[in-house]
Amino acid sequence: MNTPSAEPGIPTQAAPATSGAASTGGAPGAGRRGALGPVGLVLAGGLSVQFGGALAVTLMPRAGALGIVTLRLAVAAVVLLLVCRPRLRGHSRADWGTVIVFGATMAGMNGLFYQAVARIPLGPAVTLEVLGPLALSVLASRRAVNLLWAGLALAGVFLLGGGGFDGLDPAGAAFALGAGVMWAAYIVFSARTGRRFPQADGLALAMAVGALLFLPMGIAESGAKLVDPVTLSLGAAVALLSSVLPYTLELLALRRLPASTFAILMSLEPALAAGAGFLVLGQALSAMEAAAIALVIAASLGAVRTQVSRGGKPPVPEA
């Protein structure tokens, strides 16, 4: 997540994207070469998010899922507030209402996702979570071909659940689906916040709101464990890997990368999560689970391309 950015999504309004050709003088060959840089940044951000999620799973026995979310949000909020130094005055009541809802959505998305990965493997969790942005993209397009993408996604979910989720913890699957709903809402309010606040000011304020909302739950579950030096340092590493670093990389990438390309790359998050789960946590996938993840990725890619082909902007998710 996971995140992605998770994790904070990058509203295209905050960092307008341009095509590779435009950024390299218009030469077709130069445009293709120039695109390798931002694509690499996005993939690096995705890997950072998923390996940060895998690290968080290893940390859960020390501080619990709610404790890890609290540390992640709190450290990320402190870093972003120090870097962005957002202006607190001069905002309307509607501005503050938007950023508070955005922060609450961010907290809910992270909390539900971490509850999911505490119960089911990382790859399947991200696969179920990505159904939220996928549904948002399908609904935004309203084309008949999206029935195909929805059918592929449902087939993937059916395979992932072994025909009835007997192979996955039902509560974990429900938490992952809930995180997907919050991810879709997160994308909507990320864009609204980007229109109301300059640069990344809205994100920094929303992160602080999310951290404050989650703090009581983290203290209730973990208490003094949150200030244990080892736990605190590992929690800071999760925050940097899952929030600060991917946000920075994707913000840089979106300056030179079309939003449609970015959304397509974000569709690969389930595969990156499965790889991180295998390498860090030893969570091997069965053939059926691998096929399920492939179907959901195909559905997500198809939905993004359908949205782009009709001239719309696809949702820009973050794990």
C-alpha atoms as a PDB file:
ATOM      1  CA  MET A   1       0.000   0.000   0.000  1.00  0.00           C
ATOM      2  CA  ASN A   2      -0.750   0.481  -0.171  1.00  0.00           C
ATOM      3  CA  THR A   3      -0.019   3.224  -1.508  1.00  0.00           C
ATOM      4  CA  PRO A   4       0.457   3.877  -2.594  1.00  0.00           C
ATOM      5  CA  SER A   5       0.565   6.545  -2.588  1.00  0.00           C
ATOM      6  CA  ALA A   6      -1.199   4.618  -1.418  1.00  0.00           C
ATOM      7  CA  GLU A   7      -0.865   6.355   0.849  1.00  0.00           C
ATOM      8  CA  PRO A   8      -1.071   9.936  -0.560  1.00  0.00           C
ATOM      9  CA  GLY A   9      -2.304  10.163  -4.144  1.00  0.00           C
ATOM     10  CA  ILE A  10      -0.899  12.940  -6.260  1.00  0.00           C
ATOM     11  CA  PRO A  11      -3.645  15.173  -7.632  1.00  0.00           C
ATOM     12  CA  THR A  12      -2.767  16.199 -11.165  1.00  0.00           C
ATOM     13  CA  GLN A  13      -3.737  19.780 -10.351  1.00  0.00           C
ATOM     14  CA  ALA A  14      -0.844  20.058  -7.909  1.00  0.00           C
ATOM     15  CA  ALA A  15       1.743  18.883 -10.406  1.00  0.00           C
ATOM     16  CA  PRO A  16       0.657  19.329 -14.006  1.00  0.00           C
ATOM     17  CA  ALA A  17       2.033  16.625 -16.214  1.00  0.00           C
ATOM     18  CA  THR A  18       3.399  17.088 -19.704  1.00  0.00           C
ATOM     19  CA  SER A  19       4.221  14.586 -22.384  1.00  0.00           C
ATOM     20  CA  GLY A  20       7.718  13.329 -22.886  1.00  0.00           C
ATOM     21  CA  ALA A  21       7.902  14.954 -26.306  1.00  0.00           C
ATOM     22  CA  ALA A  22       6.945  18.296 -24.905  1.00  0.00           C
ATOM     23  CA  SER A  23       9.653  18.171 -22.309  1.00  0.00           C
ATOM     24  CA  THR A  24      12.366  17.267 -24.790  1.00  0.00           C
ATOM     25  CA  GLY A  25      11.709  19.657 -27.590  1.00  0.00           C
ATOM     26  CA  GLY A  26       9.173  17.550 -29.463  1.00  0.00           C
ATOM     27  CA  ALA A  27      11.507  15.017 -31.073  1.00  0.00           C
ATOM     28  CA  PRO A  28       9.773  11.611 -31.062  1.00  0.00           C
ATOM     29  CA  GLY A  29      12.914   9.671 -30.236  1.00  0.00           C
ATOM     30  CA  ALA A  30      13.883  12.100 -27.518  1.00  0.00           C
ATOM     31  CA  GLY A  31      10.406  11.860 -26.036  1.00  0.00           C
ATOM     32  CA  ARG A  32      10.645   8.089 -25.707  1.00  0.00           C
ATOM     33  CA  ARG A  33      14.063   8.329 -24.096  1.00  0.00           C
ATOM     34  CA  GLY A  34      12.926  11.123 -21.761  1.00  0.00           C
ATOM     35  CA  ALA A  35       9.986   9.054 -20.553  1.00  0.00           C
ATOM     36  CA  LEU A  36      12.313   6.470 -19.060  1.00  0.00           C
ATOM     37  CA  GLY A  37      13.285   8.842 -16.264  1.00  0.00           C
ATOM     38  CA  PRO A  38       9.826   9.592 -14.847  1.00  0.00           C
ATOM     39  CA  VAL A  39       8.663   6.015 -15.427  1.00  0.00           C
ATOM     40  CA  GLY A  40      11.600   4.843 -13.357  1.00  0.00           C
ATOM     41  CA  LEU A  41      10.669   7.322 -10.624  1.00  0.00           C
ATOM     42  CA  VAL A  42       7.082   6.014 -10.517  1.00  0.00           C
ATOM     43  CA  LEU A  43       8.204   2.390 -10.386  1.00  0.00           C
ATOM     44  CA  ALA A  44      10.712   3.245  -7.668  1.00  0.00           C
ATOM     45  CA  GLY A  45       7.924   4.935  -5.720  1.00  0.00           C
ATOM     46  CA  GLY A  46       5.701   1.876  -6.136  1.00  0.00           C
ATOM     47  CA  LEU A  47       8.456  -0.439  -4.950  1.00  0.00           C
ATOM     48  CA  SER A  48       9.082   1.841  -1.980  1.00  0.00           C
ATOM     49  CA  VAL A  49       5.398   1.746  -1.002  1.00  0.00           C
ATOM     50  CA  GLN A  50       5.113  -2.030  -1.187  1.00  0.00           C
ATOM     51  CA  PHE A  51       8.384  -2.798   0.571  1.00  0.00           C
ATOM     52  CA  GLY A  52       7.370  -0.272   3.215  1.00  0.00           C
ATOM     53  CA  GLY A  53       4.148  -2.226   3.602  1.00  0.00           C
ATOM     54  CA  ALA A  54       6.093  -5.470   3.935  1.00  0.00           C
ATOM     55  CA  LEU A  55       8.285  -3.873   6.610  1.00  0.00           C
ATOM     56  CA  ALA A  56       5.137  -2.743   8.420  1.00  0.00           C
ATOM     57  CA  VAL A  57       3.881  -6.339   8.534  1.00  0.00           C
ATOM     58  CA  THR A  58       7.100  -7.449  10.239  1.00  0.00           C
ATOM     59  CA  LEU A  59       6.674  -4.628  12.759  1.00  0.00           C
ATOM     60  CA  MET A  60       3.077  -5.488  13.715  1.00  0.00           C
ATOM     61  CA  PRO A  61       4.020  -8.009  16.444  1.00  0.00           C
ATOM     62  CA  ARG A  62       5.870  -5.175  18.195  1.00  0.00           C
ATOM     63  CA  ALA A  63       3.261  -2.418  17.981  1.00  0.00           C
ATOM     64  CA  GLY A  64       0.064  -3.786  16.391  1.00  0.00           C
ATOM     65  CA  ALA A  65      -1.628  -2.667  13.181  1.00  0.00           C
ATOM     66  CA  LEU A  66      -3.144   0.480  14.698  1.00  0.00           C
ATOM     67  CA  GLY A  67       0.155   1.416  16.306  1.00  0.00           C
ATOM     68  CA  ILE A  68       1.988   1.112  12.982  1.00  0.00           C
ATOM     69  CA  VAL A  69      -0.587   3.291  11.232  1.00  0.00           C
ATOM     70  CA  THR A  70      -0.216   5.890  13.969  1.00  0.00           C
ATOM     71  CA  LEU A  71       3.573   5.961  13.625  1.00  0.00           C
ATOM     72  CA  ARG A  72       3.381   6.089   9.842  1.00  0.00           C
ATOM     73  CA  LEU A  73       0.916   8.982   9.755  1.00  0.00           C
ATOM     74  CA  ALA A  74       2.607  10.904  12.566  1.00  0.00           C
ATOM     75  CA  VAL A  75       6.136  10.712  11.152  1.00  0.00           C
ATOM     76  CA  ALA A  76       4.961  11.485   7.619  1.00  0.00           C
ATOM     77  CA  ALA A  77       2.945  14.449   8.932  1.00  0.00           C
ATOM     78  CA  VAL A  78       5.945  15.875  10.791  1.00  0.00           C
ATOM     79  CA  VAL A  79       8.204  15.526   7.735  1.00  0.00           C
ATOM     80  CA  LEU A  80       5.671  17.049   5.338  1.00  0.00           C
ATOM     81  CA  LEU A  81       4.821  19.923   7.696  1.00  0.00           C
ATOM     82  CA  LEU A  82       8.517  20.760   8.091  1.00  0.00           C
ATOM     83  CA  VAL A  83       9.172  20.571   4.351  1.00  0.00           C
ATOM     84  CA  CYS A  84       5.994  22.279   3.076  1.00  0.00           C
ATOM     85  CA  ARG A  85       5.390  24.733   5.951  1.00  0.00           C
ATOM     86  CA  PRO A  86       1.763  25.222   4.893  1.00  0.00           C
ATOM     87  CA  ARG A  87       0.053  28.536   5.570  1.00  0.00           C
ATOM     88  CA  LEU A  88      -2.708  28.177   8.175  1.00  0.00           C
ATOM     89  CA  ARG A  89      -4.444  31.506   7.647  1.00  0.00           C
ATOM     90  CA  GLY A  90      -6.461  32.717   4.713  1.00  0.00           C
ATOM     91  CA  HIS A  91      -8.391  29.519   4.053  1.00  0.00           C
ATOM     92  CA  SER A  92     -12.169  29.349   3.921  1.00  0.00           C
ATOM     93  CA  ARG A  93     -14.378  27.062   5.976  1.00  0.00           C
ATOM     94  CA  ALA A  94     -14.930  24.979   2.827  1.00  0.00           C
ATOM     95  CA  ASP A  95     -11.154  24.640   2.386  1.00  0.00           C
ATOM     96  CA  TRP A  96     -10.738  23.343   5.915  1.00  0.00           C
ATOM     97  CA  GLY A  97     -13.737  21.045   5.537  1.00  0.00           C
ATOM     98  CA  THR A  98     -12.178  19.514   2.425  1.00  0.00           C
ATOM     99  CA  VAL A  99      -8.776  18.964   4.027  1.00  0.00           C
ATOM    100  CA  ILE A 100     -10.344  17.458   7.174  1.00  0.00           C
ATOM    101  CA  VAL A 101     -12.387  14.985   5.108  1.00  0.00           C
ATOM    102  CA  PHE A 102      -9.265  14.221   3.063  1.00  0.00           C
ATOM    103  CA  GLY A 103      -7.299  13.531   6.247  1.00  0.00           C
ATOM    104  CA  ALA A 104     -10.063  11.344   7.667  1.00  0.00           C
ATOM    105  CA  THR A 105     -10.198   9.404   4.398  1.00  0.00           C
ATOM    106  CA  MET A 106      -6.437   8.953   4.461  1.00  0.00           C
ATOM    107  CA  ALA A 107      -6.546   7.671   8.033  1.00  0.00           C
ATOM    108  CA  GLY A 108      -9.382   5.267   7.228  1.00  0.00           C
ATOM    109  CA  MET A 109      -7.657   3.939   4.123  1.00  0.00           C
ATOM    110  CA  ASN A 110      -4.419   3.244   5.994  1.00  0.00           C
ATOM    111  CA  GLY A 111      -6.141   1.797   9.035  1.00  0.00           C
ATOM    112  CA  LEU A 112      -8.296  -0.615   7.044  1.00  0.00           C
ATOM    113  CA  PHE A 113      -5.400  -1.699   4.821  1.00  0.00           C
ATOM    114  CA  TYR A 114      -3.095  -2.459   7.728  1.00  0.00           C
ATOM    115  CA  GLN A 115      -5.847  -4.448   9.390  1.00  0.00           C
ATOM    116  CA  ALA A 116      -6.085  -6.405   6.134  1.00  0.00           C
ATOM    117  CA  VAL A 117      -2.361  -7.191   5.804  1.00  0.00           C
ATOM    118  CA  ALA A 118      -2.334  -8.318   9.421  1.00  0.00           C
ATOM    119  CA  ARG A 119      -4.683 -11.138   8.313  1.00  0.00           C
ATOM    120  CA  ILE A 120      -4.025 -11.910   4.624  1.00  0.00           C
ATOM    121  CA  PRO A 121      -0.921 -11.825   2.368  1.00  0.00           C
ATOM    122  CA  LEU A 122       0.234  -8.487   0.963  1.00  0.00           C
ATOM    123  CA  GLY A 123      -0.376  -9.313  -2.727  1.00  0.00           C
ATOM    124  CA  PRO A 124      -4.033 -10.376  -2.366  1.00  0.00           C
ATOM    125  CA  ALA A 125      -4.665  -7.438   0.005  1.00  0.00           C
ATOM    126  CA  VAL A 126      -3.464  -4.871  -2.545  1.00  0.00           C
ATOM    127  CA  THR A 127      -5.348  -6.699  -5.309  1.00  0.00           C
ATOM    128  CA  LEU A 128      -8.631  -6.366  -3.398  1.00  0.00           C
ATOM    129  CA  GLU A 129      -7.822  -2.778  -2.433  1.00  0.00           C
ATOM    130  CA  VAL A 130      -7.172  -1.696  -6.027  1.00  0.00           C
ATOM    131  CA  LEU A 131     -10.779  -2.615  -6.876  1.00  0.00           C
ATOM    132  CA  GLY A 132     -11.777   0.759  -5.353  1.00  0.00           C
ATOM    133  CA  PRO A 133      -9.899   2.923  -7.886  1.00  0.00           C
ATOM    134  CA  LEU A 134     -10.880   0.452 -10.605  1.00  0.00           C
ATOM    135  CA  ALA A 135     -14.581   0.872  -9.789  1.00  0.00           C
ATOM    136  CA  LEU A 136     -14.144   4.655  -9.746  1.00  0.00           C
ATOM    137  CA  SER A 137     -12.534   4.575 -13.198  1.00  0.00           C
ATOM    138  CA  VAL A 138     -15.284   2.323 -14.595  1.00  0.00           C
ATOM    139  CA  LEU A 139     -18.058   4.512 -13.207  1.00  0.00           C
ATOM    140  CA  ALA A 140     -16.403   7.684 -14.463  1.00  0.00           C
ATOM    141  CA  SER A 141     -16.159   6.313 -18.010  1.00  0.00           C
ATOM    142  CA  ARG A 142     -19.736   4.946 -18.392  1.00  0.00           C
ATOM    143  CA  ARG A 143     -18.941   2.959 -21.533  1.00  0.00           C
ATOM    144  CA  ALA A 144     -20.209  -0.498 -22.392  1.00  0.00           C
ATOM    145  CA  VAL A 145     -16.691  -1.863 -22.746  1.00  0.00           C
ATOM    146  CA  ASN A 146     -16.246  -1.293 -19.020  1.00  0.00           C
ATOM    147  CA  LEU A 147     -18.552  -4.248 -18.422  1.00  0.00           C
ATOM    148  CA  LEU A 148     -15.664  -6.338 -19.759  1.00  0.00           C
ATOM    149  CA  TRP A 149     -13.201  -4.771 -17.303  1.00  0.00           C
ATOM    150  CA  ALA A 150     -15.649  -5.205 -14.441  1.00  0.00           C
ATOM    151  CA  GLY A 151     -16.150  -8.842 -15.431  1.00  0.00           C
ATOM    152  CA  LEU A 152     -12.386  -9.452 -15.505  1.00  0.00           C
ATOM    153  CA  ALA A 153     -12.019  -7.868 -12.079  1.00  0.00           C
ATOM    154  CA  LEU A 154     -14.842  -9.958 -10.637  1.00  0.00           C
ATOM    155  CA  ALA A 155     -13.304 -13.101 -12.135  1.00  0.00           C
ATOM    156  CA  GLY A 156     -10.020 -12.177 -10.484  1.00  0.00           C
ATOM    157  CA  VAL A 157     -11.728 -11.656  -7.133  1.00  0.00           C
ATOM    158  CA  PHE A 158     -13.517 -15.018  -7.513  1.00  0.00           C
ATOM    159  CA  LEU A 159     -10.215 -16.793  -8.192  1.00  0.00           C
ATOM    160  CA  LEU A 160      -8.481 -14.937  -5.388  1.00  0.00           C
ATOM    161  CA  GLY A 161     -11.126 -16.101  -2.961  1.00  0.00           C
ATOM    162  CA  GLY A 162     -10.894 -19.681  -4.183  1.00  0.00           C
ATOM    163  CA  GLY A 163     -14.535 -19.559  -5.250  1.00  0.00           C
ATOM    164  CA  GLY A 164     -15.777 -18.289  -1.895  1.00  0.00           C
ATOM    165  CA  PHE A 165     -12.883 -16.753   0.035  1.00  0.00           C
ATOM    166  CA  ASP A 166     -12.281 -20.031   1.842  1.00  0.00           C
ATOM    167  CA  GLY A 167      -8.563 -19.536   1.246  1.00  0.00           C
ATOM    168  CA  LEU A 168      -8.487 -16.000   2.672  1.00  0.00           C
ATOM    169  CA  ASP A 169      -9.440 -14.766   6.098  1.00  0.00           C
ATOM    170  CA  PRO A 170     -12.920 -13.219   5.553  1.00  0.00           C
ATOM    171  CA  ALA A 171     -12.227 -10.335   7.917  1.00  0.00           C
ATOM    172  CA  GLY A 172      -8.939  -9.572   6.145  1.00  0.00           C
ATOM    173  CA  ALA A 173     -10.656  -9.596   2.752  1.00  0.00           C
ATOM    174  CA  ALA A 174     -13.404  -7.309   4.077  1.00  0.00           C
ATOM    175  CA  PHE A 175     -10.825  -4.876   5.478  1.00  0.00           C
ATOM    176  CA  ALA A 176      -9.007  -4.820   2.110  1.00  0.00           C
ATOM    177  CA  LEU A 177     -12.253  -4.118   0.236  1.00  0.00           C
ATOM    178  CA  GLY A 178     -13.065  -1.376   2.730  1.00  0.00           C
ATOM    179  CA  ALA A 179      -9.620   0.113   2.137  1.00  0.00           C
ATOM    180  CA  GLY A 180     -10.428   0.093  -1.585  1.00  0.00           C
ATOM    181  CA  VAL A 181     -13.607   2.098  -0.983  1.00  0.00           C
ATOM    182  CA  MET A 182     -11.614   4.591   1.061  1.00  0.00           C
ATOM    183  CA  TRP A 183      -8.942   4.693  -1.673  1.00  0.00           C
ATOM    184  CA  ALA A 184     -11.570   5.724  -4.233  1.00  0.00           C
ATOM    185  CA  ALA A 185     -12.827   8.446  -1.879  1.00  0.00           C
ATOM    186  CA  TYR A 186      -9.224   9.430  -1.235  1.00  0.00           C
ATOM    187  CA  ILE A 187      -8.658  10.042  -4.961  1.00  0.00           C
ATOM    188  CA  VAL A 188     -11.716  12.304  -5.140  1.00  0.00           C
ATOM    189  CA  PHE A 189     -10.746  14.393  -2.111  1.00  0.00           C
ATOM    190  CA  SER A 190      -7.080  14.437  -3.108  1.00  0.00           C
ATOM    191  CA  ALA A 191      -8.077  16.220  -6.319  1.00  0.00           C
ATOM    192  CA  ARG A 192     -10.375  18.629  -4.461  1.00  0.00           C
ATOM    193  CA  THR A 193      -7.652  19.424  -1.955  1.00  0.00           C
ATOM    194  CA  GLY A 194      -5.163  19.983  -4.778  1.00  0.00           C
ATOM    195  CA  ARG A 195      -7.486  22.607  -6.270  1.00  0.00           C
ATOM    196  CA  ARG A 196      -7.876  24.466  -2.974  1.00  0.00           C
ATOM    197  CA  PHE A 197      -4.301  24.427  -1.617  1.00  0.00           C
ATOM    198  CA  PRO A 198      -1.017  25.293  -3.354  1.00  0.00           C
ATOM    199  CA  GLN A 199       1.793  22.813  -3.890  1.00  0.00           C
ATOM    200  CA  ALA A 200       1.591  19.996  -1.321  1.00  0.00           C
ATOM    201  CA  ASP A 201       0.219  22.181   1.495  1.00  0.00           C
ATOM    202  CA  GLY A 202      -3.135  20.409   1.513  1.00  0.00           C
ATOM    203  CA  LEU A 203      -1.497  16.996   1.703  1.00  0.00           C
ATOM    204  CA  ALA A 204       0.682  18.058   4.649  1.00  0.00           C
ATOM    205  CA  LEU A 205      -2.333  19.426   6.544  1.00  0.00           C
ATOM    206  CA  ALA A 206      -4.439  16.355   5.722  1.00  0.00           C
ATOM    207  CA  MET A 207      -1.658  14.063   6.907  1.00  0.00           C
ATOM    208  CA  ALA A 208      -1.590  15.954  10.201  1.00  0.00           C
ATOM    209  CA  VAL A 209      -5.374  15.599  10.514  1.00  0.00           C
ATOM    210  CA  GLY A 210      -5.145  11.862   9.845  1.00  0.00           C
ATOM    211  CA  ALA A 211      -2.374  11.461  12.427  1.00  0.00           C
ATOM    212  CA  LEU A 212      -4.375  13.315  15.083  1.00  0.00           C
ATOM    213  CA  LEU A 213      -7.488  11.241  14.355  1.00  0.00           C
ATOM    214  CA  PHE A 214      -5.565   7.986  14.616  1.00  0.00           C
ATOM    215  CA  LEU A 215      -3.459   8.872  17.647  1.00  0.00           C
ATOM    216  CA  PRO A 216      -6.058   7.808  20.291  1.00  0.00           C
ATOM    217  CA  MET A 217      -6.497   4.398  18.629  1.00  0.00           C
ATOM    218  CA  GLY A 218      -2.760   3.856  18.370  1.00  0.00           C
ATOM    219  CA  ILE A 219      -2.236   4.767  22.017  1.00  0.00           C
ATOM    220  CA  ALA A 220      -5.132   2.523  23.089  1.00  0.00           C
ATOM    221  CA  GLU A 221      -3.670  -0.499  21.275  1.00  0.00           C
ATOM    222  CA  SER A 222       0.059   0.021  21.733  1.00  0.00           C
ATOM    223  CA  GLY A 223       0.559   2.541  24.557  1.00  0.00           C
ATOM    224  CA  ALA A 224       4.192   2.956  25.581  1.00  0.00           C
ATOM    225  CA  LYS A 225       5.335   0.632  22.757  1.00  0.00           C
ATOM    226  CA  LEU A 226       4.988   3.584  20.389  1.00  0.00           C
ATOM    227  CA  VAL A 227       7.916   5.384  22.038  1.00  0.00           C
ATOM    228  CA  ASP A 228      10.186   2.341  22.227  1.00  0.00           C
ATOM    229  CA  PRO A 229      13.346   3.438  20.341  1.00  0.00           C
ATOM    230  CA  VAL A 230      13.454   0.381  18.068  1.00  0.00           C
ATOM    231  CA  THR A 231       9.732   0.506  17.289  1.00  0.00           C
ATOM    232  CA  LEU A 232       9.877   4.253  16.717  1.00  0.00           C
ATOM    233  CA  SER A 233      12.827   3.999  14.354  1.00  0.00           C
ATOM    234  CA  LEU A 234      11.229   1.166  12.364  1.00  0.00           C
ATOM    235  CA  GLY A 235       7.944   3.070  12.252  1.00  0.00           C
ATOM    236  CA  ALA A 236       9.812   6.088  10.912  1.00  0.00           C
ATOM    237  CA  ALA A 237      11.323   3.855   8.217  1.00  0.00           C
ATOM    238  CA  VAL A 238       7.824   2.667   7.254  1.00  0.00           C
ATOM    239  CA  ALA A 239       6.652   6.288   7.026  1.00  0.00           C
ATOM    240  CA  LEU A 240       9.580   7.288   4.830  1.00  0.00           C
ATOM    241  CA  LEU A 241       9.247   4.240   2.556  1.00  0.00           C
ATOM    242  CA  SER A 242       5.451   4.269   2.323  1.00  0.00           C
ATOM    243  CA  SER A 243       4.652   7.996   2.324  1.00  0.00           C
ATOM    244  CA  VAL A 244       7.449  10.549   2.096  1.00  0.00           C
ATOM    245  CA  LEU A 245       9.751   8.910  -0.481  1.00  0.00           C
ATOM    246  CA  PRO A 246       7.059   7.705  -2.943  1.00  0.00           C
ATOM    247  CA  TYR A 247       5.228  11.033  -2.735  1.00  0.00           C
ATOM    248  CA  THR A 248       8.434  12.899  -3.605  1.00  0.00           C
ATOM    249  CA  LEU A 249       9.326  10.559  -6.471  1.00  0.00           C
ATOM    250  CA  GLU A 250       5.837  10.643  -7.958  1.00  0.00           C
ATOM    251  CA  LEU A 251       5.601  14.418  -7.646  1.00  0.00           C
ATOM    252  CA  LEU A 252       8.827  14.710  -9.658  1.00  0.00           C
ATOM    253  CA  ALA A 253       7.585  12.148 -12.196  1.00  0.00           C
ATOM    254  CA  LEU A 254       4.245  13.871 -12.758  1.00  0.00           C
ATOM    255  CA  ARG A 255       6.036  17.005 -13.918  1.00  0.00           C
ATOM    256  CA  ARG A 256       7.119  15.115 -17.049  1.00  0.00           C
ATOM    257  CA  LEU A 257       4.705  12.183 -17.280  1.00  0.00           C
ATOM    258  CA  PRO A 258       1.114  12.153 -18.603  1.00  0.00           C
ATOM    259  CA  ALA A 259      -1.447  11.368 -15.922  1.00  0.00           C
ATOM    260  CA  SER A 260      -2.748   8.474 -18.056  1.00  0.00           C
ATOM    261  CA  THR A 261       0.678   6.816 -18.092  1.00  0.00           C
ATOM    262  CA  PHE A 262       0.990   7.344 -14.348  1.00  0.00           C
ATOM    263  CA  ALA A 263      -2.379   5.674 -13.726  1.00  0.00           C
ATOM    264  CA  ILE A 264      -1.396   2.708 -15.902  1.00  0.00           C
ATOM    265  CA  LEU A 265       1.811   2.268 -13.905  1.00  0.00           C
ATOM    266  CA  MET A 266      -0.197   2.428 -10.676  1.00  0.00           C
ATOM    267  CA  SER A 267      -2.258  -0.493 -11.983  1.00  0.00           C
ATOM    268  CA  LEU A 268       0.812  -2.675 -11.489  1.00  0.00           C
ATOM    269  CA  GLU A 269       0.710  -2.197  -7.707  1.00  0.00           C
ATOM    270  CA  PRO A 270      -0.726  -5.695  -6.984  1.00  0.00           C
ATOM    271  CA  ALA A 271       2.208  -7.296  -8.805  1.00  0.00           C
ATOM    272  CA  LEU A 272       4.713  -5.138  -6.919  1.00  0.00           C
ATOM    273  CA  ALA A 273       2.987  -6.014  -3.653  1.00  0.00           C
ATOM    274  CA  ALA A 274       3.108  -9.725  -4.444  1.00  0.00           C
ATOM    275  CA  GLY A 275       6.833  -9.420  -5.164  1.00  0.00           C
ATOM    276  CA  ALA A 276       7.491  -7.541  -1.916  1.00  0.00           C
ATOM    277  CA  GLY A 277       5.422 -10.066   0.035  1.00  0.00           C
ATOM    278  CA  PHE A 278       7.426 -12.951  -1.415  1.00  0.00           C
ATOM    279  CA  LEU A 279      10.882 -11.379  -0.962  1.00  0.00           C
ATOM    280  CA  VAL A 280      10.403  -9.874   2.490  1.00  0.00           C
ATOM    281  CA  LEU A 281       7.707 -12.032   4.072  1.00  0.00           C
ATOM    282  CA  GLY A 282       8.068 -15.321   2.208  1.00  0.00           C
ATOM    283  CA  GLN A 283       4.431 -15.106   1.030  1.00  0.00           C
ATOM    284  CA  ALA A 284       4.434 -17.309  -2.066  1.00  0.00           C
ATOM    285  CA  LEU A 285       1.419 -17.176  -4.390  1.00  0.00           C
ATOM    286  CA  SER A 286      -0.434 -20.177  -5.697  1.00  0.00           C
ATOM    287  CA  ALA A 287      -1.077 -20.436  -9.451  1.00  0.00           C
ATOM    288  CA  MET A 288      -4.708 -19.449  -8.865  1.00  0.00           C
ATOM    289  CA  GLU A 289      -3.745 -16.365  -6.831  1.00  0.00           C
ATOM    290  CA  ALA A 290      -1.222 -15.298  -9.494  1.00  0.00           C
ATOM    291  CA  ALA A 291      -3.899 -15.658 -12.184  1.00  0.00           C
ATOM    292  CA  ALA A 292      -6.337 -13.647 -10.066  1.00  0.00           C
ATOM    293  CA  ILE A 293      -3.849 -10.803  -9.644  1.00  0.00           C
ATOM    294  CA  ALA A 294      -3.137 -10.848 -13.385  1.00  0.00           C
ATOM    295  CA  LEU A 295      -6.872 -10.540 -14.163  1.00  0.00           C
ATOM    296  CA  VAL A 296      -7.313  -7.563 -11.812  1.00  0.00           C
ATOM    297  CA  ILE A 297      -4.235  -5.853 -13.293  1.00  0.00           C
ATOM    298  CA  ALA A 298      -5.608  -6.424 -16.817  1.00  0.00           C
ATOM    299  CA  ALA A 299      -8.983  -4.992 -15.787  1.00  0.00           C
ATOM    300  CA  SER A 300      -7.326  -1.950 -14.236  1.00  0.00           C
ATOM    301  CA  LEU A 301      -5.150  -1.332 -17.295  1.00  0.00           C
ATOM    302  CA  GLY A 302      -8.152  -1.697 -19.589  1.00  0.00           C
ATOM    303  CA  ALA A 303     -10.274   0.702 -17.560  1.00  0.00           C
ATOM    304  CA  VAL A 304      -7.531   3.331 -17.577  1.00  0.00           C
ATOM    305  CA  ARG A 305      -7.047   3.037 -21.336  1.00  0.00           C
ATOM    306  CA  THR A 306     -10.801   3.281 -21.911  1.00  0.00           C
ATOM    307  CA  GLN A 307     -10.945   6.439 -19.818  1.00  0.00           C
ATOM    308  CA  VAL A 308      -8.030   7.974 -21.731  1.00  0.00           C
ATOM    309  CA  SER A 309      -9.450   7.013 -25.163  1.00  0.00           C
ATOM    310  CA  ARG A 310     -12.625   9.017 -24.496  1.00  0.00           C
ATOM    311  CA  GLY A 311     -10.601  12.104 -23.590  1.00  0.00           C
ATOM    312  CA  GLY A 312     -11.028  11.957 -19.844  1.00  0.00           C
ATOM    313  CA  LYS A 313      -8.444  12.026 -17.095  1.00  0.00           C
ATOM    314  CA  PRO A 314      -8.121   8.736 -15.255  1.00  0.00           C
ATOM    315  CA  PRO A 315      -8.091   8.686 -11.493  1.00  0.00           C
ATOM    316  CA  VAL A 316      -4.500   8.914 -10.230  1.00  0.00           C
ATOM    317  CA  PRO A 317      -4.218   6.392  -7.398  1.00  0.00           C
ATOM    318  CA  GLU A 318      -1.434   6.071  -4.864  1.00  0.00           C
ATOM    319  CA  ALA A 319      -0.787   2.896  -2.817  1.00  0.00           C
END
